[in-house]
Amino acid sequence: MLLNQVNRFAIKRSFLNQFYRCTHTKNTNVLYPLESRRLIKVKGKDAPVFLQGLITNDMRHFDEGAQSMYAMFLNNKGRVLYDTLIHKWETDDSFLIECDKNVTSLLQKHLKLFKLKRSLDIVDMNQDFRIWSLISPTSEPIDVKPDQKSTVKLYKDPRLVDLGYRVLTSPALKGSEVAERIGENIKTEENEDGYKYLRYTLGVGEGAEDLVPTKMTDKSKEQPEQVVYNFQCSVCGMTEKANYKGTNPPFSRNIELKWPSYVMKDPFSPPGKGEILVLGADCAMCNKCVCINKECSIFYTKMFCFNCAHNSIDKLPTEIKSKFTQLRKQ
């Protein structure tokens, strides 16, 4: 019974896809302007090796004859940052990275971060090219007219046959002019709504709107940026950077302090252990910072600096008086 349901779903999906292709394009090629897409060029002798270490696909596909491929850029934790199409351009060491216009600057920054001393250039090509999508109702190959190949470049979409071709042209060319240089029977659209609808019908996500970058997704879940406190003991003058002030350090494991204290992460603790170092606290009387050195402070339900404890010895509980007297004798 389960197998029959699976077969019925598969047949239905296949039929819908075929029906959609016929009704959507009406047996004509359709050209959509992709205003939501931008291009970044990476060129140089180190470009293939450089990109190989940053993307999820294999740059060696270009050596095997591929002209375009789909790839994602990841962060240092292996999470997706940006989805892209990479097109081979002019020479073996020149590539065009197509990405969402909303992440162009972020992707450029990401690339430059890992460039280091590699021999390559990273250039924004938004002023030099305009991107189009050419959807065809058939799987027959389409090519630019021989005398127009210098002004129009076609790349077969590497994801699905139904997504047709990417077309790169000069930004000065209008849709009708691009259509004339490719071939006959091409309808031009004024926006990319039809292309977007086609993608959704085929179940293909694209760009930051559909595939939200990890940094944007996790931003609402991230803990607020921790404030660094410049701790300095008012008695001995000891100074240190504190990562937290309070009773429940967020980076420790179920540790609750009895009095709001200045805390730093233990620099010698193994990763993930959550061990801490308590530097000190504010005196309960004078409110000045004081470290936990026995010559600087005394603790009894609250923190007291030695000066306040000495000057107010008569006001302190009997237990702390005896403890203070013992410390003074040491």
C-alpha atoms as a PDB file:
ATOM      1  CA  MET A   1       0.000   0.000   0.000  1.00  0.00           C
ATOM      2  CA  LEU A   2       2.822   2.361   0.899  1.00  0.00           C
ATOM      3  CA  LEU A   3       4.551   1.613  -2.404  1.00  0.00           C
ATOM      4  CA  ASN A   4       1.395   2.478  -4.309  1.00  0.00           C
ATOM      5  CA  GLN A   5       1.162   5.824  -2.523  1.00  0.00           C
ATOM      6  CA  VAL A   6       4.800   6.603  -3.332  1.00  0.00           C
ATOM      7  CA  ASN A   7       4.298   5.707  -6.999  1.00  0.00           C
ATOM      8  CA  ARG A   8       1.122   7.779  -7.161  1.00  0.00           C
ATOM      9  CA  PHE A   9       2.921  10.788  -5.674  1.00  0.00           C
ATOM     10  CA  ALA A  10       5.891  10.410  -8.040  1.00  0.00           C
ATOM     11  CA  ILE A  11       3.640  10.134 -11.100  1.00  0.00           C
ATOM     12  CA  LYS A  12       1.592  13.120  -9.947  1.00  0.00           C
ATOM     13  CA  ARG A  13       4.710  15.248  -9.346  1.00  0.00           C
ATOM     14  CA  SER A  14       6.163  14.317 -12.737  1.00  0.00           C
ATOM     15  CA  PHE A  15       2.904  15.109 -14.476  1.00  0.00           C
ATOM     16  CA  LEU A  16       2.602  18.451 -12.717  1.00  0.00           C
ATOM     17  CA  ASN A  17       6.135  19.402 -13.687  1.00  0.00           C
ATOM     18  CA  GLN A  18       5.515  18.575 -17.342  1.00  0.00           C
ATOM     19  CA  PHE A  19       2.157  20.349 -17.284  1.00  0.00           C
ATOM     20  CA  TYR A  20       3.660  23.410 -15.656  1.00  0.00           C
ATOM     21  CA  ARG A  21       6.479  23.651 -18.201  1.00  0.00           C
ATOM     22  CA  CYS A  22       4.028  23.529 -21.096  1.00  0.00           C
ATOM     23  CA  THR A  23       1.515  25.984 -19.648  1.00  0.00           C
ATOM     24  CA  HIS A  24       4.030  28.373 -18.127  1.00  0.00           C
ATOM     25  CA  THR A  25       6.157  28.921 -21.214  1.00  0.00           C
ATOM     26  CA  LYS A  26       3.443  28.301 -23.828  1.00  0.00           C
ATOM     27  CA  ASN A  27       6.027  26.607 -26.061  1.00  0.00           C
ATOM     28  CA  THR A  28       8.169  29.738 -26.203  1.00  0.00           C
ATOM     29  CA  ASN A  29      11.455  30.652 -24.613  1.00  0.00           C
ATOM     30  CA  VAL A  30      11.081  33.231 -21.852  1.00  0.00           C
ATOM     31  CA  LEU A  31      13.750  35.727 -20.801  1.00  0.00           C
ATOM     32  CA  TYR A  32      13.618  37.092 -17.243  1.00  0.00           C
ATOM     33  CA  PRO A  33      15.798  39.937 -15.892  1.00  0.00           C
ATOM     34  CA  LEU A  34      17.346  38.856 -12.578  1.00  0.00           C
ATOM     35  CA  GLU A  35      17.684  42.138 -10.721  1.00  0.00           C
ATOM     36  CA  SER A  36      18.193  40.255  -7.455  1.00  0.00           C
ATOM     37  CA  ARG A  37      21.487  38.719  -8.605  1.00  0.00           C
ATOM     38  CA  ARG A  38      25.000  40.179  -8.691  1.00  0.00           C
ATOM     39  CA  LEU A  39      28.467  39.102  -9.879  1.00  0.00           C
ATOM     40  CA  ILE A  40      31.905  39.026  -8.265  1.00  0.00           C
ATOM     41  CA  LYS A  41      34.978  38.148 -10.319  1.00  0.00           C
ATOM     42  CA  VAL A  42      37.868  36.179  -8.857  1.00  0.00           C
ATOM     43  CA  LYS A  43      40.855  36.171 -11.177  1.00  0.00           C
ATOM     44  CA  GLY A  44      44.459  35.055 -10.749  1.00  0.00           C
ATOM     45  CA  LYS A  45      46.708  32.017 -10.890  1.00  0.00           C
ATOM     46  CA  ASP A  46      45.693  31.033  -7.354  1.00  0.00           C
ATOM     47  CA  ALA A  47      41.947  31.466  -7.974  1.00  0.00           C
ATOM     48  CA  PRO A  48      41.048  27.754  -8.487  1.00  0.00           C
ATOM     49  CA  VAL A  49      42.919  26.604  -5.366  1.00  0.00           C
ATOM     50  CA  PHE A  50      41.595  29.560  -3.379  1.00  0.00           C
ATOM     51  CA  LEU A  51      37.947  28.799  -4.202  1.00  0.00           C
ATOM     52  CA  GLN A  52      38.467  25.056  -3.770  1.00  0.00           C
ATOM     53  CA  GLY A  53      39.104  25.615  -0.080  1.00  0.00           C
ATOM     54  CA  LEU A  54      36.005  27.747   0.465  1.00  0.00           C
ATOM     55  CA  ILE A  55      33.120  26.083  -1.399  1.00  0.00           C
ATOM     56  CA  THR A  56      31.133  22.866  -1.145  1.00  0.00           C
ATOM     57  CA  ASN A  57      31.702  21.802  -4.768  1.00  0.00           C
ATOM     58  CA  ASP A  58      34.829  20.680  -6.623  1.00  0.00           C
ATOM     59  CA  MET A  59      36.639  23.235  -8.790  1.00  0.00           C
ATOM     60  CA  ARG A  60      38.150  20.376 -10.799  1.00  0.00           C
ATOM     61  CA  HIS A  61      34.820  20.089 -12.625  1.00  0.00           C
ATOM     62  CA  PHE A  62      35.940  23.086 -14.673  1.00  0.00           C
ATOM     63  CA  ASP A  63      39.019  21.155 -15.789  1.00  0.00           C
ATOM     64  CA  GLU A  64      36.677  18.412 -16.998  1.00  0.00           C
ATOM     65  CA  GLY A  65      34.729  20.816 -19.210  1.00  0.00           C
ATOM     66  CA  ALA A  66      32.073  22.284 -16.923  1.00  0.00           C
ATOM     67  CA  GLN A  67      31.206  25.915 -17.578  1.00  0.00           C
ATOM     68  CA  SER A  68      29.055  26.534 -14.514  1.00  0.00           C
ATOM     69  CA  MET A  69      28.377  24.867 -11.174  1.00  0.00           C
ATOM     70  CA  TYR A  70      26.350  25.370  -8.014  1.00  0.00           C
ATOM     71  CA  ALA A  71      28.255  25.849  -4.761  1.00  0.00           C
ATOM     72  CA  MET A  72      27.833  27.145  -1.240  1.00  0.00           C
ATOM     73  CA  PHE A  73      30.245  29.059   0.949  1.00  0.00           C
ATOM     74  CA  LEU A  74      30.572  27.870   4.537  1.00  0.00           C
ATOM     75  CA  ASN A  75      31.796  29.434   7.751  1.00  0.00           C
ATOM     76  CA  ASN A  76      34.507  27.935   9.958  1.00  0.00           C
ATOM     77  CA  LYS A  77      31.917  25.713  11.658  1.00  0.00           C
ATOM     78  CA  GLY A  78      30.721  24.215   8.389  1.00  0.00           C
ATOM     79  CA  ARG A  79      27.428  26.107   8.292  1.00  0.00           C
ATOM     80  CA  VAL A  80      26.044  27.629   5.109  1.00  0.00           C
ATOM     81  CA  LEU A  81      26.729  31.309   4.539  1.00  0.00           C
ATOM     82  CA  TYR A  82      25.919  31.973   0.870  1.00  0.00           C
ATOM     83  CA  ASP A  83      24.580  29.931  -2.054  1.00  0.00           C
ATOM     84  CA  THR A  84      26.115  30.791  -5.417  1.00  0.00           C
ATOM     85  CA  LEU A  85      26.555  29.848  -9.050  1.00  0.00           C
ATOM     86  CA  ILE A  86      30.164  29.906 -10.250  1.00  0.00           C
ATOM     87  CA  HIS A  87      30.745  30.516 -13.956  1.00  0.00           C
ATOM     88  CA  LYS A  88      34.014  30.015 -15.786  1.00  0.00           C
ATOM     89  CA  TRP A  89      35.132  33.239 -17.437  1.00  0.00           C
ATOM     90  CA  GLU A  90      37.549  33.962 -20.282  1.00  0.00           C
ATOM     91  CA  THR A  91      40.657  32.115 -18.980  1.00  0.00           C
ATOM     92  CA  ASP A  92      41.323  29.082 -16.792  1.00  0.00           C
ATOM     93  CA  ASP A  93      42.068  31.265 -13.786  1.00  0.00           C
ATOM     94  CA  SER A  94      39.068  33.604 -14.033  1.00  0.00           C
ATOM     95  CA  PHE A  95      35.647  32.932 -12.480  1.00  0.00           C
ATOM     96  CA  LEU A  96      32.406  34.836 -11.966  1.00  0.00           C
ATOM     97  CA  ILE A  97      30.561  34.190  -8.700  1.00  0.00           C
ATOM     98  CA  GLU A  98      26.834  34.870  -8.955  1.00  0.00           C
ATOM     99  CA  CYS A  99      25.121  35.612  -5.652  1.00  0.00           C
ATOM    100  CA  ASP A 100      22.167  37.386  -4.078  1.00  0.00           C
ATOM    101  CA  LYS A 101      22.498  41.175  -4.271  1.00  0.00           C
ATOM    102  CA  ASN A 102      21.832  41.463  -0.512  1.00  0.00           C
ATOM    103  CA  VAL A 103      24.955  39.490   0.380  1.00  0.00           C
ATOM    104  CA  THR A 104      27.364  40.807  -2.274  1.00  0.00           C
ATOM    105  CA  SER A 105      29.351  42.972   0.127  1.00  0.00           C
ATOM    106  CA  LEU A 106      29.367  40.216   2.768  1.00  0.00           C
ATOM    107  CA  LEU A 107      30.646  37.654   0.278  1.00  0.00           C
ATOM    108  CA  GLN A 108      33.347  40.035  -0.923  1.00  0.00           C
ATOM    109  CA  LYS A 109      34.425  40.587   2.670  1.00  0.00           C
ATOM    110  CA  HIS A 110      34.436  36.817   3.237  1.00  0.00           C
ATOM    111  CA  LEU A 111      36.632  36.261   0.179  1.00  0.00           C
ATOM    112  CA  LYS A 112      39.075  39.016   1.100  1.00  0.00           C
ATOM    113  CA  LEU A 113      39.331  37.642   4.625  1.00  0.00           C
ATOM    114  CA  PHE A 114      40.862  34.409   3.302  1.00  0.00           C
ATOM    115  CA  LYS A 115      42.813  35.895   0.415  1.00  0.00           C
ATOM    116  CA  LEU A 116      45.956  36.560   2.474  1.00  0.00           C
ATOM    117  CA  LYS A 117      48.943  36.703   0.082  1.00  0.00           C
ATOM    118  CA  ARG A 118      47.422  34.674  -2.740  1.00  0.00           C
ATOM    119  CA  SER A 119      47.968  35.933  -6.259  1.00  0.00           C
ATOM    120  CA  LEU A 120      44.419  36.882  -7.278  1.00  0.00           C
ATOM    121  CA  ASP A 121      42.025  39.810  -7.591  1.00  0.00           C
ATOM    122  CA  ILE A 122      38.472  40.080  -6.208  1.00  0.00           C
ATOM    123  CA  VAL A 123      36.389  42.556  -8.216  1.00  0.00           C
ATOM    124  CA  ASP A 124      32.761  43.682  -8.029  1.00  0.00           C
ATOM    125  CA  MET A 125      31.300  43.307 -11.558  1.00  0.00           C
ATOM    126  CA  ASN A 126      27.865  44.820 -10.955  1.00  0.00           C
ATOM    127  CA  GLN A 127      28.534  47.766 -13.256  1.00  0.00           C
ATOM    128  CA  ASP A 128      29.794  45.553 -16.107  1.00  0.00           C
ATOM    129  CA  PHE A 129      27.125  42.869 -16.445  1.00  0.00           C
ATOM    130  CA  ARG A 130      23.421  42.234 -16.216  1.00  0.00           C
ATOM    131  CA  ILE A 131      22.073  38.769 -15.410  1.00  0.00           C
ATOM    132  CA  TRP A 132      19.100  37.140 -17.131  1.00  0.00           C
ATOM    133  CA  SER A 133      17.398  33.759 -16.925  1.00  0.00           C
ATOM    134  CA  LEU A 134      16.346  32.073 -20.154  1.00  0.00           C
ATOM    135  CA  ILE A 135      13.708  29.371 -19.647  1.00  0.00           C
ATOM    136  CA  SER A 136      13.093  26.945 -22.494  1.00  0.00           C
ATOM    137  CA  PRO A 137      10.117  24.544 -22.881  1.00  0.00           C
ATOM    138  CA  THR A 138      12.393  21.926 -24.439  1.00  0.00           C
ATOM    139  CA  SER A 139      15.711  20.352 -23.544  1.00  0.00           C
ATOM    140  CA  GLU A 140      17.228  21.205 -26.907  1.00  0.00           C
ATOM    141  CA  PRO A 141      20.436  23.247 -26.574  1.00  0.00           C
ATOM    142  CA  ILE A 142      20.329  26.985 -27.181  1.00  0.00           C
ATOM    143  CA  ASP A 143      23.266  29.083 -28.275  1.00  0.00           C
ATOM    144  CA  VAL A 144      23.989  32.704 -29.050  1.00  0.00           C
ATOM    145  CA  LYS A 145      24.224  33.767 -32.660  1.00  0.00           C
ATOM    146  CA  PRO A 146      27.861  33.373 -33.780  1.00  0.00           C
ATOM    147  CA  ASP A 147      28.374  37.080 -34.444  1.00  0.00           C
ATOM    148  CA  GLN A 148      26.992  38.054 -31.002  1.00  0.00           C
ATOM    149  CA  LYS A 149      29.058  35.813 -28.694  1.00  0.00           C
ATOM    150  CA  SER A 150      31.251  38.734 -27.663  1.00  0.00           C
ATOM    151  CA  THR A 151      28.263  40.612 -26.194  1.00  0.00           C
ATOM    152  CA  VAL A 152      26.100  37.788 -24.826  1.00  0.00           C
ATOM    153  CA  LYS A 153      27.296  34.804 -22.793  1.00  0.00           C
ATOM    154  CA  LEU A 154      25.136  31.731 -22.038  1.00  0.00           C
ATOM    155  CA  TYR A 155      25.630  29.303 -19.159  1.00  0.00           C
ATOM    156  CA  LYS A 156      23.451  26.244 -18.708  1.00  0.00           C
ATOM    157  CA  ASP A 157      21.971  26.213 -15.213  1.00  0.00           C
ATOM    158  CA  PRO A 158      23.771  23.357 -13.425  1.00  0.00           C
ATOM    159  CA  ARG A 159      20.927  22.624 -11.017  1.00  0.00           C
ATOM    160  CA  LEU A 160      17.969  21.523 -13.164  1.00  0.00           C
ATOM    161  CA  VAL A 161      17.223  21.340 -16.885  1.00  0.00           C
ATOM    162  CA  ASP A 162      13.937  23.158 -16.203  1.00  0.00           C
ATOM    163  CA  LEU A 163      15.855  26.231 -15.040  1.00  0.00           C
ATOM    164  CA  GLY A 164      17.300  26.762 -18.504  1.00  0.00           C
ATOM    165  CA  TYR A 165      20.227  29.133 -18.899  1.00  0.00           C
ATOM    166  CA  ARG A 166      21.919  32.056 -17.246  1.00  0.00           C
ATOM    167  CA  VAL A 167      22.562  34.906 -19.672  1.00  0.00           C
ATOM    168  CA  LEU A 168      25.229  37.551 -19.034  1.00  0.00           C
ATOM    169  CA  THR A 169      25.097  40.756 -21.053  1.00  0.00           C
ATOM    170  CA  SER A 170      26.119  44.372 -20.975  1.00  0.00           C
ATOM    171  CA  PRO A 171      23.877  46.404 -18.625  1.00  0.00           C
ATOM    172  CA  ALA A 172      23.043  48.693 -21.554  1.00  0.00           C
ATOM    173  CA  LEU A 173      21.193  45.964 -23.484  1.00  0.00           C
ATOM    174  CA  LYS A 174      17.416  45.807 -23.222  1.00  0.00           C
ATOM    175  CA  GLY A 175      15.475  42.562 -23.036  1.00  0.00           C
ATOM    176  CA  SER A 176      14.355  42.750 -26.679  1.00  0.00           C
ATOM    177  CA  GLU A 177      17.953  43.325 -27.821  1.00  0.00           C
ATOM    178  CA  VAL A 178      19.185  40.350 -25.811  1.00  0.00           C
ATOM    179  CA  ALA A 179      16.423  38.159 -27.247  1.00  0.00           C
ATOM    180  CA  GLU A 180      17.380  39.140 -30.816  1.00  0.00           C
ATOM    181  CA  ARG A 181      21.013  38.175 -30.219  1.00  0.00           C
ATOM    182  CA  ILE A 182      20.096  34.746 -28.876  1.00  0.00           C
ATOM    183  CA  GLY A 183      17.491  33.588 -31.366  1.00  0.00           C
ATOM    184  CA  GLU A 184      13.881  33.687 -32.444  1.00  0.00           C
ATOM    185  CA  ASN A 185      10.666  32.972 -30.565  1.00  0.00           C
ATOM    186  CA  ILE A 186      11.858  34.491 -27.264  1.00  0.00           C
ATOM    187  CA  LYS A 187       9.442  36.344 -25.014  1.00  0.00           C
ATOM    188  CA  THR A 188      10.874  38.942 -22.618  1.00  0.00           C
ATOM    189  CA  GLU A 189       9.469  39.733 -19.188  1.00  0.00           C
ATOM    190  CA  GLU A 190       9.819  42.956 -17.214  1.00  0.00           C
ATOM    191  CA  ASN A 191      10.563  41.302 -13.865  1.00  0.00           C
ATOM    192  CA  GLU A 192      11.629  37.970 -12.385  1.00  0.00           C
ATOM    193  CA  ASP A 193       8.323  37.011 -10.752  1.00  0.00           C
ATOM    194  CA  GLY A 194       7.712  34.219 -13.277  1.00  0.00           C
ATOM    195  CA  TYR A 195      11.219  32.839 -12.740  1.00  0.00           C
ATOM    196  CA  LYS A 196      10.713  32.923  -8.984  1.00  0.00           C
ATOM    197  CA  TYR A 197       7.393  31.111  -9.309  1.00  0.00           C
ATOM    198  CA  LEU A 198       9.031  28.481 -11.496  1.00  0.00           C
ATOM    199  CA  ARG A 199      11.754  27.917  -8.906  1.00  0.00           C
ATOM    200  CA  TYR A 200       9.210  27.477  -6.135  1.00  0.00           C
ATOM    201  CA  THR A 201       7.222  25.040  -8.269  1.00  0.00           C
ATOM    202  CA  LEU A 202      10.378  23.003  -8.827  1.00  0.00           C
ATOM    203  CA  GLY A 203      11.350  23.240  -5.146  1.00  0.00           C
ATOM    204  CA  VAL A 204      14.557  25.201  -5.766  1.00  0.00           C
ATOM    205  CA  GLY A 205      15.614  27.756  -3.181  1.00  0.00           C
ATOM    206  CA  GLU A 206      17.888  30.645  -4.141  1.00  0.00           C
ATOM    207  CA  GLY A 207      19.362  33.671  -2.438  1.00  0.00           C
ATOM    208  CA  ALA A 208      19.220  35.100   1.065  1.00  0.00           C
ATOM    209  CA  GLU A 209      15.414  35.225   1.078  1.00  0.00           C
ATOM    210  CA  ASP A 210      15.065  31.446   0.690  1.00  0.00           C
ATOM    211  CA  LEU A 211      18.378  30.242   2.127  1.00  0.00           C
ATOM    212  CA  VAL A 212      18.976  32.643   4.988  1.00  0.00           C
ATOM    213  CA  PRO A 213      22.705  32.932   5.815  1.00  0.00           C
ATOM    214  CA  THR A 214      23.711  31.317   9.104  1.00  0.00           C
ATOM    215  CA  LYS A 215      24.860  34.603  10.585  1.00  0.00           C
ATOM    216  CA  MET A 216      21.433  36.153   9.980  1.00  0.00           C
ATOM    217  CA  THR A 217      19.558  33.065  11.218  1.00  0.00           C
ATOM    218  CA  ASP A 218      21.463  32.668  14.449  1.00  0.00           C
ATOM    219  CA  LYS A 219      21.624  36.357  15.282  1.00  0.00           C
ATOM    220  CA  SER A 220      18.367  36.307  17.245  1.00  0.00           C
ATOM    221  CA  LYS A 221      19.538  33.254  19.187  1.00  0.00           C
ATOM    222  CA  GLU A 222      22.953  34.558  20.059  1.00  0.00           C
ATOM    223  CA  GLN A 223      23.653  35.686  23.605  1.00  0.00           C
ATOM    224  CA  PRO A 224      24.150  39.419  24.047  1.00  0.00           C
ATOM    225  CA  GLU A 225      27.728  40.480  23.564  1.00  0.00           C
ATOM    226  CA  GLN A 226      29.555  40.128  26.884  1.00  0.00           C
ATOM    227  CA  VAL A 227      30.832  43.292  28.494  1.00  0.00           C
ATOM    228  CA  VAL A 228      34.479  43.316  29.548  1.00  0.00           C
ATOM    229  CA  TYR A 229      35.051  44.833  32.984  1.00  0.00           C
ATOM    230  CA  ASN A 230      38.357  46.450  33.937  1.00  0.00           C
ATOM    231  CA  PHE A 231      38.694  45.082  37.448  1.00  0.00           C
ATOM    232  CA  GLN A 232      41.124  46.826  39.827  1.00  0.00           C
ATOM    233  CA  CYS A 233      41.428  46.080  43.523  1.00  0.00           C
ATOM    234  CA  SER A 234      41.156  49.274  45.586  1.00  0.00           C
ATOM    235  CA  VAL A 235      43.499  47.839  48.228  1.00  0.00           C
ATOM    236  CA  CYS A 236      46.409  46.101  46.484  1.00  0.00           C
ATOM    237  CA  GLY A 237      45.938  47.625  43.012  1.00  0.00           C
ATOM    238  CA  MET A 238      45.757  44.277  41.190  1.00  0.00           C
ATOM    239  CA  THR A 239      44.216  44.713  37.721  1.00  0.00           C
ATOM    240  CA  GLU A 240      42.609  42.169  35.364  1.00  0.00           C
ATOM    241  CA  LYS A 241      39.957  41.856  32.660  1.00  0.00           C
ATOM    242  CA  ALA A 242      36.686  40.343  33.929  1.00  0.00           C
ATOM    243  CA  ASN A 243      34.242  38.652  31.527  1.00  0.00           C
ATOM    244  CA  TYR A 244      31.223  38.830  33.798  1.00  0.00           C
ATOM    245  CA  LYS A 245      29.811  40.472  36.915  1.00  0.00           C
ATOM    246  CA  GLY A 246      27.031  38.763  38.837  1.00  0.00           C
ATOM    247  CA  THR A 247      26.126  35.473  40.467  1.00  0.00           C
ATOM    248  CA  ASN A 248      25.476  33.180  37.449  1.00  0.00           C
ATOM    249  CA  PRO A 249      28.345  33.256  34.901  1.00  0.00           C
ATOM    250  CA  PRO A 250      26.849  32.204  31.511  1.00  0.00           C
ATOM    251  CA  PHE A 251      30.015  30.362  30.489  1.00  0.00           C
ATOM    252  CA  SER A 252      30.242  28.167  33.631  1.00  0.00           C
ATOM    253  CA  ARG A 253      28.523  24.890  34.418  1.00  0.00           C
ATOM    254  CA  ASN A 254      25.760  25.356  36.980  1.00  0.00           C
ATOM    255  CA  ILE A 255      27.834  27.605  39.231  1.00  0.00           C
ATOM    256  CA  GLU A 256      25.976  30.090  41.410  1.00  0.00           C
ATOM    257  CA  LEU A 257      27.920  32.572  43.514  1.00  0.00           C
ATOM    258  CA  LYS A 258      26.639  33.826  46.860  1.00  0.00           C
ATOM    259  CA  TRP A 259      27.559  37.441  46.158  1.00  0.00           C
ATOM    260  CA  PRO A 260      27.761  39.382  42.843  1.00  0.00           C
ATOM    261  CA  SER A 261      31.382  38.971  41.821  1.00  0.00           C
ATOM    262  CA  TYR A 262      33.781  39.798  39.022  1.00  0.00           C
ATOM    263  CA  VAL A 263      34.492  36.608  37.085  1.00  0.00           C
ATOM    264  CA  MET A 264      36.838  35.704  34.238  1.00  0.00           C
ATOM    265  CA  LYS A 265      37.109  32.567  32.152  1.00  0.00           C
ATOM    266  CA  ASP A 266      39.920  30.313  33.287  1.00  0.00           C
ATOM    267  CA  PRO A 267      42.502  30.665  30.469  1.00  0.00           C
ATOM    268  CA  PHE A 268      43.973  27.252  31.341  1.00  0.00           C
ATOM    269  CA  SER A 269      40.662  25.399  31.409  1.00  0.00           C
ATOM    270  CA  PRO A 270      40.085  22.823  28.614  1.00  0.00           C
ATOM    271  CA  PRO A 271      37.485  23.913  26.024  1.00  0.00           C
ATOM    272  CA  GLY A 272      33.926  23.232  27.130  1.00  0.00           C
ATOM    273  CA  LYS A 273      34.739  22.758  30.816  1.00  0.00           C
ATOM    274  CA  GLY A 274      33.362  26.145  31.823  1.00  0.00           C
ATOM    275  CA  GLU A 275      35.824  26.673  34.665  1.00  0.00           C
ATOM    276  CA  ILE A 276      36.078  30.177  36.067  1.00  0.00           C
ATOM    277  CA  LEU A 277      38.288  32.408  38.207  1.00  0.00           C
ATOM    278  CA  VAL A 278      36.631  34.724  40.755  1.00  0.00           C
ATOM    279  CA  LEU A 279      38.643  37.955  40.901  1.00  0.00           C
ATOM    280  CA  GLY A 280      36.709  39.775  43.596  1.00  0.00           C
ATOM    281  CA  ALA A 281      33.604  41.856  44.226  1.00  0.00           C
ATOM    282  CA  ASP A 282      32.346  45.266  45.317  1.00  0.00           C
ATOM    283  CA  CYS A 283      32.578  45.951  49.038  1.00  0.00           C
ATOM    284  CA  ALA A 284      29.138  45.846  50.673  1.00  0.00           C
ATOM    285  CA  MET A 285      29.936  49.081  52.565  1.00  0.00           C
ATOM    286  CA  CYS A 286      32.030  51.392  50.394  1.00  0.00           C
ATOM    287  CA  ASN A 287      31.110  49.778  47.065  1.00  0.00           C
ATOM    288  CA  LYS A 288      34.774  49.776  45.923  1.00  0.00           C
ATOM    289  CA  CYS A 289      36.274  46.840  44.027  1.00  0.00           C
ATOM    290  CA  VAL A 290      38.296  44.499  46.166  1.00  0.00           C
ATOM    291  CA  CYS A 291      40.004  41.223  45.259  1.00  0.00           C
ATOM    292  CA  ILE A 292      39.645  37.963  47.179  1.00  0.00           C
ATOM    293  CA  ASN A 293      43.170  38.053  48.591  1.00  0.00           C
ATOM    294  CA  LYS A 294      42.925  37.527  52.348  1.00  0.00           C
ATOM    295  CA  GLU A 295      44.975  40.693  52.894  1.00  0.00           C
ATOM    296  CA  CYS A 296      42.456  42.774  50.933  1.00  0.00           C
ATOM    297  CA  SER A 297      39.002  41.448  51.818  1.00  0.00           C
ATOM    298  CA  ILE A 298      36.925  39.251  54.048  1.00  0.00           C
ATOM    299  CA  PHE A 299      33.732  37.403  53.126  1.00  0.00           C
ATOM    300  CA  TYR A 300      30.849  36.584  55.406  1.00  0.00           C
ATOM    301  CA  THR A 301      27.554  36.379  53.465  1.00  0.00           C
ATOM    302  CA  LYS A 302      28.832  39.570  51.808  1.00  0.00           C
ATOM    303  CA  MET A 303      32.168  40.916  50.647  1.00  0.00           C
ATOM    304  CA  PHE A 304      33.936  43.514  52.831  1.00  0.00           C
ATOM    305  CA  CYS A 305      37.191  45.264  52.085  1.00  0.00           C
ATOM    306  CA  PHE A 306      39.727  45.160  54.918  1.00  0.00           C
ATOM    307  CA  ASN A 307      39.493  48.907  55.537  1.00  0.00           C
ATOM    308  CA  CYS A 308      35.698  48.873  55.993  1.00  0.00           C
ATOM    309  CA  ALA A 309      35.881  45.761  58.144  1.00  0.00           C
ATOM    310  CA  HIS A 310      38.485  47.416  60.378  1.00  0.00           C
ATOM    311  CA  ASN A 311      36.678  50.763  60.679  1.00  0.00           C
ATOM    312  CA  SER A 312      33.277  49.170  61.347  1.00  0.00           C
ATOM    313  CA  ILE A 313      34.358  46.187  63.418  1.00  0.00           C
ATOM    314  CA  ASP A 314      31.840  47.039  66.152  1.00  0.00           C
ATOM    315  CA  LYS A 315      28.944  46.989  63.692  1.00  0.00           C
ATOM    316  CA  LEU A 316      29.806  43.582  62.249  1.00  0.00           C
ATOM    317  CA  PRO A 317      28.313  40.285  63.451  1.00  0.00           C
ATOM    318  CA  THR A 318      30.174  38.377  66.148  1.00  0.00           C
ATOM    319  CA  GLU A 319      31.187  35.608  63.729  1.00  0.00           C
ATOM    320  CA  ILE A 320      32.900  38.009  61.338  1.00  0.00           C
ATOM    321  CA  LYS A 321      34.635  39.802  64.213  1.00  0.00           C
ATOM    322  CA  SER A 322      36.379  36.595  65.266  1.00  0.00           C
ATOM    323  CA  LYS A 323      37.253  35.750  61.668  1.00  0.00           C
ATOM    324  CA  PHE A 324      38.647  39.262  61.131  1.00  0.00           C
ATOM    325  CA  THR A 325      40.728  39.041  64.313  1.00  0.00           C
ATOM    326  CA  GLN A 326      42.236  35.704  63.165  1.00  0.00           C
ATOM    327  CA  LEU A 327      43.171  37.144  59.783  1.00  0.00           C
ATOM    328  CA  ARG A 328      44.865  40.164  61.390  1.00  0.00           C
ATOM    329  CA  LYS A 329      47.032  37.860  63.521  1.00  0.00           C
ATOM    330  CA  GLN A 330      48.249  35.858  60.499  1.00  0.00           C
END
